[in-house]
Protein backbone atom coordinates (compact mmCIF):
# COMPACT_ATOMS: atom_id res chain seq x y z
CA MET A 1 13.93 -32.64 -2.06
CA ALA A 2 10.70 -32.12 -0.16
CA SER A 3 8.60 -35.16 0.64
CA ALA A 4 5.62 -36.08 2.79
CA GLN A 5 4.35 -39.07 4.77
CA ILE A 6 1.95 -40.05 7.54
CA LEU A 7 3.87 -40.96 10.69
CA THR A 8 3.21 -44.29 12.38
CA ASN A 9 1.21 -42.72 15.21
CA GLY A 10 -1.37 -41.66 12.59
CA LYS A 11 -1.69 -38.23 14.17
CA ALA A 12 -0.25 -35.75 11.73
CA LEU A 13 0.96 -35.13 8.24
CA TYR A 14 4.67 -34.27 8.07
CA ALA A 15 6.75 -32.73 5.28
CA TYR A 16 10.52 -32.80 4.91
CA ASN A 17 11.89 -29.30 4.23
CA GLY A 18 15.42 -30.47 3.39
CA THR A 19 16.60 -30.30 6.99
CA GLU A 20 13.92 -31.78 9.19
CA TRP A 21 10.41 -33.24 9.26
CA VAL A 22 7.87 -30.49 10.02
CA PRO A 23 4.30 -31.21 11.23
CA LEU A 24 1.63 -29.65 9.03
CA ASN A 25 -1.10 -29.48 11.67
CA THR A 26 0.21 -26.20 13.09
CA ALA A 27 -1.47 -22.84 12.51
CA GLY A 28 -1.09 -21.54 8.98
CA ASN A 29 -0.40 -24.97 7.46
CA LEU A 30 -2.61 -27.28 5.45
CA VAL A 31 -4.32 -30.16 7.18
CA ASN A 32 -7.88 -31.28 6.51
CA SER A 33 -8.33 -34.07 9.08
CA THR A 34 -7.23 -35.21 12.55
CA ARG A 35 -7.41 -38.58 14.31
CA TRP A 36 -8.29 -38.98 18.03
CA GLN A 37 -7.40 -42.45 19.40
CA LYS A 38 -7.93 -43.88 22.85
CA VAL A 39 -7.89 -47.28 24.63
CA VAL A 40 -10.86 -47.00 26.98
CA ALA A 41 -10.89 -47.96 30.64
CA GLY A 42 -14.38 -49.45 30.38
CA GLY A 43 -17.91 -48.24 31.18
CA GLU A 44 -17.66 -44.96 29.23
CA THR A 45 -20.79 -43.70 27.50
CA SER A 46 -19.23 -40.43 26.40
CA LEU A 47 -15.79 -39.35 25.16
CA SER A 48 -14.01 -36.01 25.38
CA GLY A 49 -10.70 -34.39 26.32
CA ASN A 50 -7.27 -35.73 25.35
CA ASP A 51 -6.58 -39.08 23.75
CA ASP A 52 -3.67 -41.40 24.50
CA SER A 53 -1.30 -39.08 22.60
CA GLY A 54 -2.49 -35.88 24.23
CA GLU A 55 -4.62 -34.84 21.23
CA SER A 56 -7.75 -32.87 22.21
CA LEU A 57 -11.05 -34.09 20.83
CA ILE A 58 -12.29 -31.39 18.41
CA TYR A 59 -14.59 -32.00 15.46
CA THR A 60 -17.17 -30.31 13.26
CA PRO A 61 -20.60 -31.92 13.89
CA GLY A 62 -21.60 -33.95 10.88
CA TYR A 63 -18.02 -34.25 9.65
CA GLU A 64 -16.78 -36.84 12.16
CA GLN A 65 -16.45 -40.62 11.96
CA VAL A 66 -16.37 -42.78 15.10
CA TYR A 67 -14.78 -46.26 14.96
CA LEU A 68 -14.93 -48.90 17.70
CA ASN A 69 -12.24 -51.57 17.24
CA GLY A 70 -12.09 -50.55 13.55
CA VAL A 71 -15.85 -50.75 12.93
CA LEU A 72 -17.56 -47.53 11.85
CA LEU A 73 -20.41 -46.56 14.19
CA ALA A 74 -23.66 -45.08 12.89
CA ARG A 75 -24.09 -41.42 13.71
CA ASP A 76 -27.28 -40.61 15.66
CA VAL A 77 -27.79 -44.34 16.15
CA ASP A 78 -24.68 -45.58 17.96
CA TYR A 79 -23.62 -42.15 19.21
CA THR A 80 -24.47 -38.45 19.27
CA ALA A 81 -22.08 -35.74 18.10
CA THR A 82 -23.37 -32.20 18.42
CA THR A 83 -21.02 -30.16 20.64
CA GLY A 84 -17.80 -30.35 18.63
CA THR A 85 -15.84 -31.53 21.69
CA THR A 86 -17.79 -34.48 23.13
CA ILE A 87 -19.21 -37.75 21.78
CA THR A 88 -22.24 -38.96 23.79
CA ALA A 89 -24.98 -41.62 23.84
CA LEU A 90 -22.52 -44.51 23.47
CA THR A 91 -23.34 -47.97 24.72
CA ALA A 92 -21.09 -48.56 27.76
CA LEU A 93 -17.66 -49.38 26.41
CA THR A 94 -15.60 -52.43 27.35
CA ALA A 95 -12.17 -52.02 28.91
CA GLY A 96 -9.36 -52.37 26.40
CA HIS A 97 -11.49 -51.50 23.39
CA ILE A 98 -10.04 -48.92 20.99
CA VAL A 99 -12.01 -45.87 19.93
CA GLU A 100 -10.87 -43.76 16.97
CA ILE A 101 -12.52 -40.51 15.92
CA LEU A 102 -11.67 -38.99 12.55
CA ALA A 103 -12.50 -35.28 12.27
CA TYR A 104 -12.49 -33.40 8.99
CA ASN A 105 -11.48 -29.82 9.73
CA ASN A 106 -11.37 -26.51 7.91
CA ILE A 107 -8.34 -25.85 5.72
CA ASN A 108 -6.31 -23.05 7.24
CA VAL A 109 -5.03 -20.96 4.34
CA ALA A 110 -4.60 -17.20 4.10
CA ASN A 111 -6.88 -15.21 1.81
CA THR A 112 -9.73 -17.73 1.87
CA TYR A 113 -13.49 -17.64 2.36
CA THR A 114 -14.88 -18.15 5.84
CA GLN A 115 -17.08 -21.15 6.53
CA GLY A 116 -20.19 -18.96 6.39
CA GLN A 117 -19.13 -17.41 3.08
CA ILE A 118 -18.57 -20.81 1.54
CA ASP A 119 -21.95 -22.01 2.82
CA ASN A 120 -23.56 -19.02 1.08
CA LYS A 121 -21.87 -19.83 -2.21
CA ILE A 122 -22.21 -23.61 -2.49
CA ALA A 123 -24.54 -26.38 -1.43
CA ASN A 124 -23.43 -29.16 0.89
CA THR A 125 -21.18 -31.49 -1.07
CA PHE A 126 -21.57 -34.50 1.25
CA THR A 127 -24.72 -36.26 2.48
CA ARG A 128 -25.35 -39.31 4.67
CA TRP A 129 -28.40 -41.63 4.56
CA ILE A 130 -28.85 -43.93 7.62
CA ASP A 131 -31.55 -46.56 7.99
CA THR A 132 -32.01 -49.30 10.58
CA LEU A 133 -33.86 -52.10 8.81
CA SER A 134 -37.06 -53.40 10.36
CA ALA A 135 -37.13 -56.36 7.99
CA SER A 136 -34.90 -58.18 5.52
CA ALA A 137 -34.30 -56.12 2.38
CA THR A 138 -32.24 -55.93 -0.79
CA VAL A 139 -33.72 -52.71 -2.19
CA LEU A 140 -32.84 -49.49 -0.35
CA SER A 141 -34.70 -46.26 -1.15
CA GLY A 142 -36.97 -43.57 0.23
CA LEU A 143 -36.72 -41.97 3.66
CA ASP A 144 -34.16 -42.98 6.29
CA ASP A 145 -34.41 -42.82 10.08
CA ASN A 146 -34.00 -39.03 9.94
CA SER A 147 -36.59 -38.53 7.15
CA THR A 148 -33.82 -37.86 4.62
CA THR A 149 -34.61 -39.06 1.10
CA LEU A 150 -32.00 -41.29 -0.49
CA SER A 151 -30.34 -39.37 -3.30
CA TYR A 152 -26.88 -39.92 -4.72
CA THR A 153 -24.72 -39.39 -7.78
CA ALA A 154 -24.00 -42.77 -9.35
CA GLY A 155 -20.34 -43.64 -8.94
CA LEU A 156 -19.85 -41.23 -6.05
CA GLU A 157 -21.68 -43.25 -3.38
CA GLN A 158 -20.34 -45.40 -0.52
CA VAL A 159 -22.55 -48.13 1.00
CA TYR A 160 -21.94 -49.45 4.53
CA VAL A 161 -23.72 -52.36 6.28
CA ASN A 162 -23.15 -52.29 10.04
CA GLY A 163 -20.12 -50.09 9.48
CA ILE A 164 -18.52 -52.38 6.86
CA LEU A 165 -17.87 -50.69 3.51
CA LEU A 166 -19.28 -52.77 0.64
CA LEU A 167 -17.46 -53.24 -2.62
CA PRO A 168 -19.14 -51.79 -5.74
CA SER A 169 -19.60 -55.38 -6.93
CA GLU A 170 -21.78 -56.11 -3.88
CA TYR A 171 -24.56 -53.73 -4.87
CA THR A 172 -26.06 -51.86 -7.82
CA ALA A 173 -26.42 -48.07 -7.71
CA THR A 174 -27.40 -46.49 -11.02
CA SER A 175 -30.72 -44.68 -10.59
CA GLY A 176 -29.59 -42.02 -8.11
CA SER A 177 -32.42 -42.90 -5.72
CA THR A 178 -32.28 -46.68 -5.20
CA VAL A 179 -29.51 -49.08 -4.16
CA VAL A 180 -29.98 -52.82 -4.73
CA LEU A 181 -27.89 -55.16 -2.54
CA SER A 182 -26.54 -58.37 -4.04
CA GLU A 183 -27.14 -60.13 -0.72
CA ALA A 184 -30.12 -59.25 1.46
CA ALA A 185 -29.52 -57.36 4.70
CA VAL A 186 -31.48 -58.61 7.71
CA SER A 187 -33.71 -56.91 10.24
CA GLY A 188 -31.71 -54.73 12.62
CA ASP A 189 -28.85 -54.10 10.18
CA VAL A 190 -27.78 -50.46 9.98
CA ILE A 191 -27.34 -49.19 6.43
CA GLN A 192 -25.34 -46.04 5.80
CA ILE A 193 -25.01 -44.54 2.33
CA TYR A 194 -22.64 -41.64 1.81
CA THR A 195 -22.66 -39.61 -1.39
CA LEU A 196 -20.46 -36.83 -2.71
CA LYS A 197 -22.44 -34.26 -4.69
CA ASN A 198 -21.29 -32.18 -7.57
CA PHE A 199 -19.68 -28.91 -6.53
CA ARG A 200 -22.19 -26.16 -7.34
CA VAL A 201 -21.26 -22.49 -7.65
CA PRO A 202 -23.80 -19.72 -8.40
CA ASN A 203 -23.44 -17.13 -11.13
CA THR A 204 -21.68 -19.44 -13.59
CA TYR A 205 -22.52 -20.45 -17.17
CA THR A 206 -23.10 -24.06 -18.19
CA ILE A 207 -21.06 -25.48 -21.08
CA ILE A 208 -23.97 -24.97 -23.47
CA GLU A 209 -24.55 -21.39 -22.30
CA THR A 210 -20.86 -20.62 -22.72
CA ASP A 211 -20.79 -22.14 -26.22
CA GLN A 212 -23.75 -20.00 -27.20
CA LYS A 213 -21.87 -16.85 -26.18
CA PHE A 214 -18.43 -17.79 -27.50
CA LEU A 215 -18.90 -19.83 -30.65
CA THR A 216 -15.84 -21.20 -32.40
CA THR A 217 -15.45 -20.99 -36.17
CA THR A 218 -16.52 -24.61 -36.47
CA SER A 219 -19.55 -24.39 -34.18
CA ALA A 220 -20.67 -21.08 -35.69
CA SER A 221 -20.68 -22.41 -39.24
CA SER A 222 -22.56 -25.57 -38.28
CA THR A 223 -25.00 -23.71 -36.02
CA TYR A 224 -25.87 -20.69 -38.12
CA LEU A 225 -24.92 -21.41 -41.70
CA THR A 226 -25.54 -24.93 -42.93
CA GLN A 227 -29.13 -25.03 -41.70
CA ALA A 228 -30.29 -21.84 -43.40
CA ALA A 229 -31.51 -22.53 -46.93
CA GLY A 230 -28.36 -24.37 -47.89
CA ILE A 231 -26.08 -21.52 -46.86
CA THR A 232 -22.49 -22.61 -46.20
CA ALA A 233 -19.48 -20.88 -44.73
CA ALA A 234 -18.27 -20.10 -48.26
CA THR A 235 -21.47 -18.26 -49.22
CA ALA A 236 -22.24 -16.70 -45.85
CA ALA A 237 -20.19 -13.57 -46.50
CA THR A 238 -22.23 -12.60 -49.54
CA THR A 239 -25.54 -13.82 -48.10
CA TYR A 240 -25.42 -12.35 -44.60
CA ALA A 241 -22.90 -9.53 -44.87
CA PRO A 242 -24.87 -6.31 -44.21
CA ILE A 243 -22.73 -4.37 -46.65
CA ALA A 244 -20.86 -5.79 -49.64
CA ALA A 245 -17.60 -4.23 -50.74
CA GLY A 246 -18.41 -1.03 -52.61
CA GLY A 247 -22.06 -1.18 -51.46
CA LEU A 248 -24.40 1.28 -49.76
CA VAL A 249 -24.51 2.10 -46.05
CA GLN A 250 -27.72 3.67 -44.77
CA ILE A 251 -27.14 6.94 -42.90
CA THR A 252 -29.23 8.14 -39.97
CA PRO A 253 -29.46 11.97 -39.99
CA THR A 254 -28.60 13.69 -36.74
CA SER A 255 -31.81 15.75 -36.98
CA ILE A 256 -34.56 16.84 -39.39
CA ALA A 257 -36.89 19.80 -39.78
CA ALA A 258 -40.27 19.62 -41.54
CA THR A 259 -41.44 23.14 -42.40
CA GLY A 260 -45.21 23.59 -42.28
CA GLY A 261 -45.81 19.86 -41.78
CA SER A 262 -44.56 16.86 -39.80
CA GLY A 263 -41.60 14.52 -40.06
CA SER A 264 -39.83 11.70 -38.20
CA ILE A 265 -36.70 9.51 -38.32
CA SER A 266 -37.10 5.72 -38.05
CA ALA A 267 -34.69 3.39 -36.28
CA THR A 268 -33.05 2.56 -39.61
CA GLY A 269 -32.62 6.22 -40.60
CA ALA A 270 -35.57 6.61 -42.99
CA VAL A 271 -37.11 10.10 -42.88
CA SER A 272 -40.88 10.25 -43.41
CA PHE A 273 -42.68 13.58 -43.87
CA THR A 274 -46.24 14.74 -44.47
CA SER A 275 -47.61 17.97 -45.98
CA ALA A 276 -44.29 19.79 -45.61
CA SER A 277 -43.43 22.91 -47.56
CA ALA A 278 -39.79 21.84 -47.02
CA ILE A 279 -38.03 18.86 -45.42
CA SER A 280 -34.46 19.38 -44.18
CA LEU A 281 -31.99 16.64 -43.17
CA ASN A 282 -28.93 17.48 -41.06
CA GLY A 283 -25.77 15.50 -40.30
CA CYS A 284 -25.96 13.24 -43.37
CA PHE A 285 -22.54 13.84 -44.91
CA SER A 286 -19.14 13.31 -43.28
CA SER A 287 -15.55 12.35 -44.06
CA THR A 288 -16.48 8.65 -43.87
CA TYR A 289 -17.70 8.59 -47.48
CA ASP A 290 -16.87 10.64 -50.58
CA ASN A 291 -20.09 9.95 -52.51
CA TYR A 292 -23.73 9.42 -51.47
CA ARG A 293 -27.11 8.40 -52.87
CA ILE A 294 -30.47 9.94 -51.86
CA HIS A 295 -33.51 7.70 -52.40
CA PHE A 296 -37.13 8.89 -52.52
CA ALA A 297 -40.23 6.74 -51.99
CA ASN A 298 -43.86 7.61 -52.82
CA VAL A 299 -43.30 11.36 -53.03
CA THR A 300 -46.44 13.35 -53.85
CA ASN A 301 -47.05 17.10 -54.11
CA SER A 302 -50.15 19.21 -53.50
CA SER A 303 -49.42 21.66 -56.35
CA SER A 304 -47.86 21.18 -59.78
CA GLY A 305 -44.32 22.45 -60.14
CA ASN A 306 -40.63 21.71 -59.75
CA ILE A 307 -39.14 19.73 -56.86
CA ASN A 308 -35.95 21.50 -55.79
CA LEU A 309 -32.86 20.79 -53.67
CA ARG A 310 -30.66 23.10 -51.63
CA TRP A 311 -27.50 22.13 -49.69
CA ARG A 312 -27.09 22.80 -45.96
CA VAL A 313 -24.17 23.50 -43.61
CA SER A 314 -24.57 23.17 -39.83
CA GLY A 315 -28.38 23.27 -40.03
CA THR A 316 -28.65 26.26 -42.43
CA ASP A 317 -29.46 26.25 -46.15
CA ASP A 318 -26.83 27.68 -48.50
CA SER A 319 -28.94 30.03 -50.65
CA ALA A 320 -26.06 31.62 -52.52
CA ALA A 321 -26.56 31.90 -56.31
CA ASN A 322 -24.02 29.15 -57.01
CA TYR A 323 -26.39 26.40 -58.26
CA ARG A 324 -26.26 25.32 -61.89
CA TYR A 325 -28.28 22.57 -63.56
CA ALA A 326 -28.92 21.20 -67.02
CA GLY A 327 -31.21 18.45 -68.26
CA ASN A 328 -33.32 16.96 -70.97
CA GLN A 329 -37.10 16.59 -70.80
CA MET A 330 -38.78 13.97 -72.96
CA GLY A 331 -42.56 13.46 -73.20
CA THR A 332 -44.92 10.98 -74.76
CA GLN A 333 -46.73 13.71 -76.69
CA ALA A 334 -44.17 16.50 -76.91
CA THR A 335 -40.83 17.11 -78.57
CA PRO A 336 -37.82 16.65 -76.21
CA THR A 337 -36.60 19.93 -74.81
CA ASN A 338 -33.52 21.02 -72.92
CA VAL A 339 -33.80 22.66 -69.53
CA GLY A 340 -31.08 24.46 -67.63
CA ALA A 341 -30.07 27.50 -65.63
CA LYS A 342 -27.12 28.98 -63.76
CA SER A 343 -26.62 31.36 -60.86
CA GLN A 344 -29.64 29.82 -59.09
CA THR A 345 -30.32 29.64 -55.34
CA SER A 346 -31.30 25.95 -55.61
CA THR A 347 -31.14 23.14 -58.13
CA ARG A 348 -34.04 21.43 -59.89
CA LEU A 349 -34.64 17.67 -59.47
CA GLY A 350 -37.76 17.29 -61.63
CA TYR A 351 -41.28 18.50 -62.46
CA PHE A 352 -44.32 16.94 -60.73
CA THR A 353 -47.95 17.36 -61.72
CA SER A 354 -50.28 17.35 -58.73
CA GLY A 355 -52.44 14.26 -58.38
CA GLN A 356 -50.51 12.23 -60.95
CA ARG A 357 -48.25 9.20 -60.70
CA ASN A 358 -44.89 10.91 -60.14
CA PHE A 359 -41.54 9.25 -59.49
CA LEU A 360 -38.28 10.75 -58.34
CA THR A 361 -35.41 8.29 -58.71
CA GLY A 362 -32.28 8.26 -56.56
CA VAL A 363 -30.07 11.32 -56.60
CA ASP A 364 -26.36 10.44 -56.94
CA VAL A 365 -24.32 13.00 -55.01
CA SER A 366 -20.60 13.55 -55.63
CA THR A 367 -18.28 14.80 -52.84
CA PRO A 368 -20.75 16.88 -50.76
CA PHE A 369 -18.54 16.92 -47.65
CA LEU A 370 -15.25 17.63 -49.41
CA SER A 371 -14.32 21.28 -49.97
CA CYS A 372 -14.76 21.10 -53.72
CA LEU A 373 -17.56 21.25 -56.30
CA THR A 374 -20.62 19.18 -55.31
CA GLY A 375 -22.43 17.50 -58.21
CA THR A 376 -25.66 15.51 -58.65
CA PHE A 377 -27.35 13.32 -61.25
CA ASN A 378 -30.95 12.06 -61.18
CA SER A 379 -34.10 11.29 -63.15
CA ALA A 380 -37.75 12.22 -62.54
CA ILE A 381 -40.98 10.94 -64.10
CA ASP A 382 -44.13 13.05 -64.35
CA GLY A 383 -46.94 10.56 -64.98
CA SER A 384 -49.46 13.08 -66.31
CA ASP A 385 -52.31 11.93 -68.51
CA PRO A 386 -52.33 12.13 -71.49
CA ASP A 387 -48.77 13.51 -71.55
CA SER A 388 -45.98 11.95 -69.44
CA TYR A 389 -42.51 13.40 -69.02
CA VAL A 390 -39.12 11.99 -68.12
CA THR A 391 -36.48 14.47 -67.04
CA THR A 392 -32.80 13.71 -66.46
CA THR A 393 -30.89 16.38 -64.61
CA THR A 394 -27.27 17.06 -63.69
CA SER A 395 -26.20 19.87 -61.41
CA PHE A 396 -23.28 21.26 -59.42
CA PHE A 397 -22.64 23.89 -56.80
CA ASN A 398 -20.11 26.30 -58.24
CA ALA A 399 -18.03 26.88 -55.09
CA ASP A 400 -15.65 24.81 -52.96
CA THR A 401 -17.91 24.18 -49.96
CA SER A 402 -18.27 21.36 -47.44
CA PHE A 403 -21.93 20.43 -46.85
CA THR A 404 -23.44 18.27 -44.09
CA GLY A 405 -27.11 18.10 -45.16
CA PHE A 406 -29.75 19.19 -47.66
CA THR A 407 -33.34 20.50 -48.04
CA ILE A 408 -35.99 19.26 -50.47
CA PHE A 409 -38.86 21.65 -51.25
CA PRO A 410 -41.52 22.16 -53.94
CA ALA A 411 -41.86 25.35 -55.95
CA ALA A 412 -45.43 25.54 -54.68
CA GLY A 413 -47.64 23.69 -52.20
CA THR A 414 -46.45 20.85 -49.96
CA ILE A 415 -44.90 17.41 -50.41
CA THR A 416 -45.32 14.03 -48.66
CA GLY A 417 -43.09 10.94 -48.83
CA THR A 418 -40.00 9.19 -47.52
CA ILE A 419 -36.28 9.91 -47.97
CA ARG A 420 -33.35 7.57 -47.28
CA VAL A 421 -29.68 8.57 -47.48
CA TYR A 422 -26.87 6.09 -48.20
CA GLY A 423 -23.11 6.45 -48.12
CA ILE A 424 -21.23 4.72 -50.93
CA ARG A 425 -18.21 2.83 -49.62
CA ASN A 426 -14.95 4.40 -50.75
């Protein structure tokens, strides 16, 4: 069984591979710190080279800790560490004193980011605040000796007085910018406050942002349903569903043609036309639905006469004499009469009197895309004064033909209005 321990010389991390203990500070292995230890001869103001165990002094500036007889020295106050191989600016050392230098090194693992790449992706995760007091103080805040503002994450800070690590019970650190000592430090004391910062990675979502994109069933119902006019999860399907079972689905034509006038298709699929002698809609019918409904809104005509319909295939009207229609016309002043014809080149939807209040209700269309008879049923109201007429009409195309569109046109003059086409769910 593999195991690991720190050997008594404190120099390396070893692992047992089942046969022998192997040092992990060799190339390709994991080690994130080294310790350089030396009993000095006396008088040294700088340190470099090999220690008492033959270990070379190597460190990353800013990631080293220097101890003299077990007491942590203050960086840039008690020493200078900038070269990566030498510690300078020490007060002359006394013979027999022990110097230890802890260096935190890069992790050597294959397929990793370089130091520069990591620096580009994350902010520094470790900061140090150092202040030499000029007077007695219990409250520590503001700028230190290097003009660094005290900032920490509560619970992730370490407070040292003259190199001695204080217990959390010996100070209060809650604000993130002020530390209050339980016992006042005196003038000349060196305060060091280390803080570990949260690991920050760019191009990531926060928890809230993620929840907004990937809502659970529970969060979705509470977020979007219960707050909207008393809507609950149970009623949401019928309230917010765009299409109920067996309902209508608005169709957007693939193209239109307004003869002698103008026309356009809206984002929802509505076709508006003005002063057109004919308005043609293409790409309305497909195998998706068997039956359809054509709705008309505010249709007016410039001349009195019938409003007619003709089916289309691939952008061309089918003008064969296969149209048949029959209906009943009832008026406020006249006796009801029957209307009908066969072997026509179009079918009649209703009669409009120019300048009157005319209404053309929805046209129900049966199986226009299927290769069978295509039938329609609709009503029209001619609001003439003093006589008004209501006409109900049924029609069919007497041939097995698959249609993809249709044309609406008046017997005379031009028409203006809006048309919407809906597929009826199978």
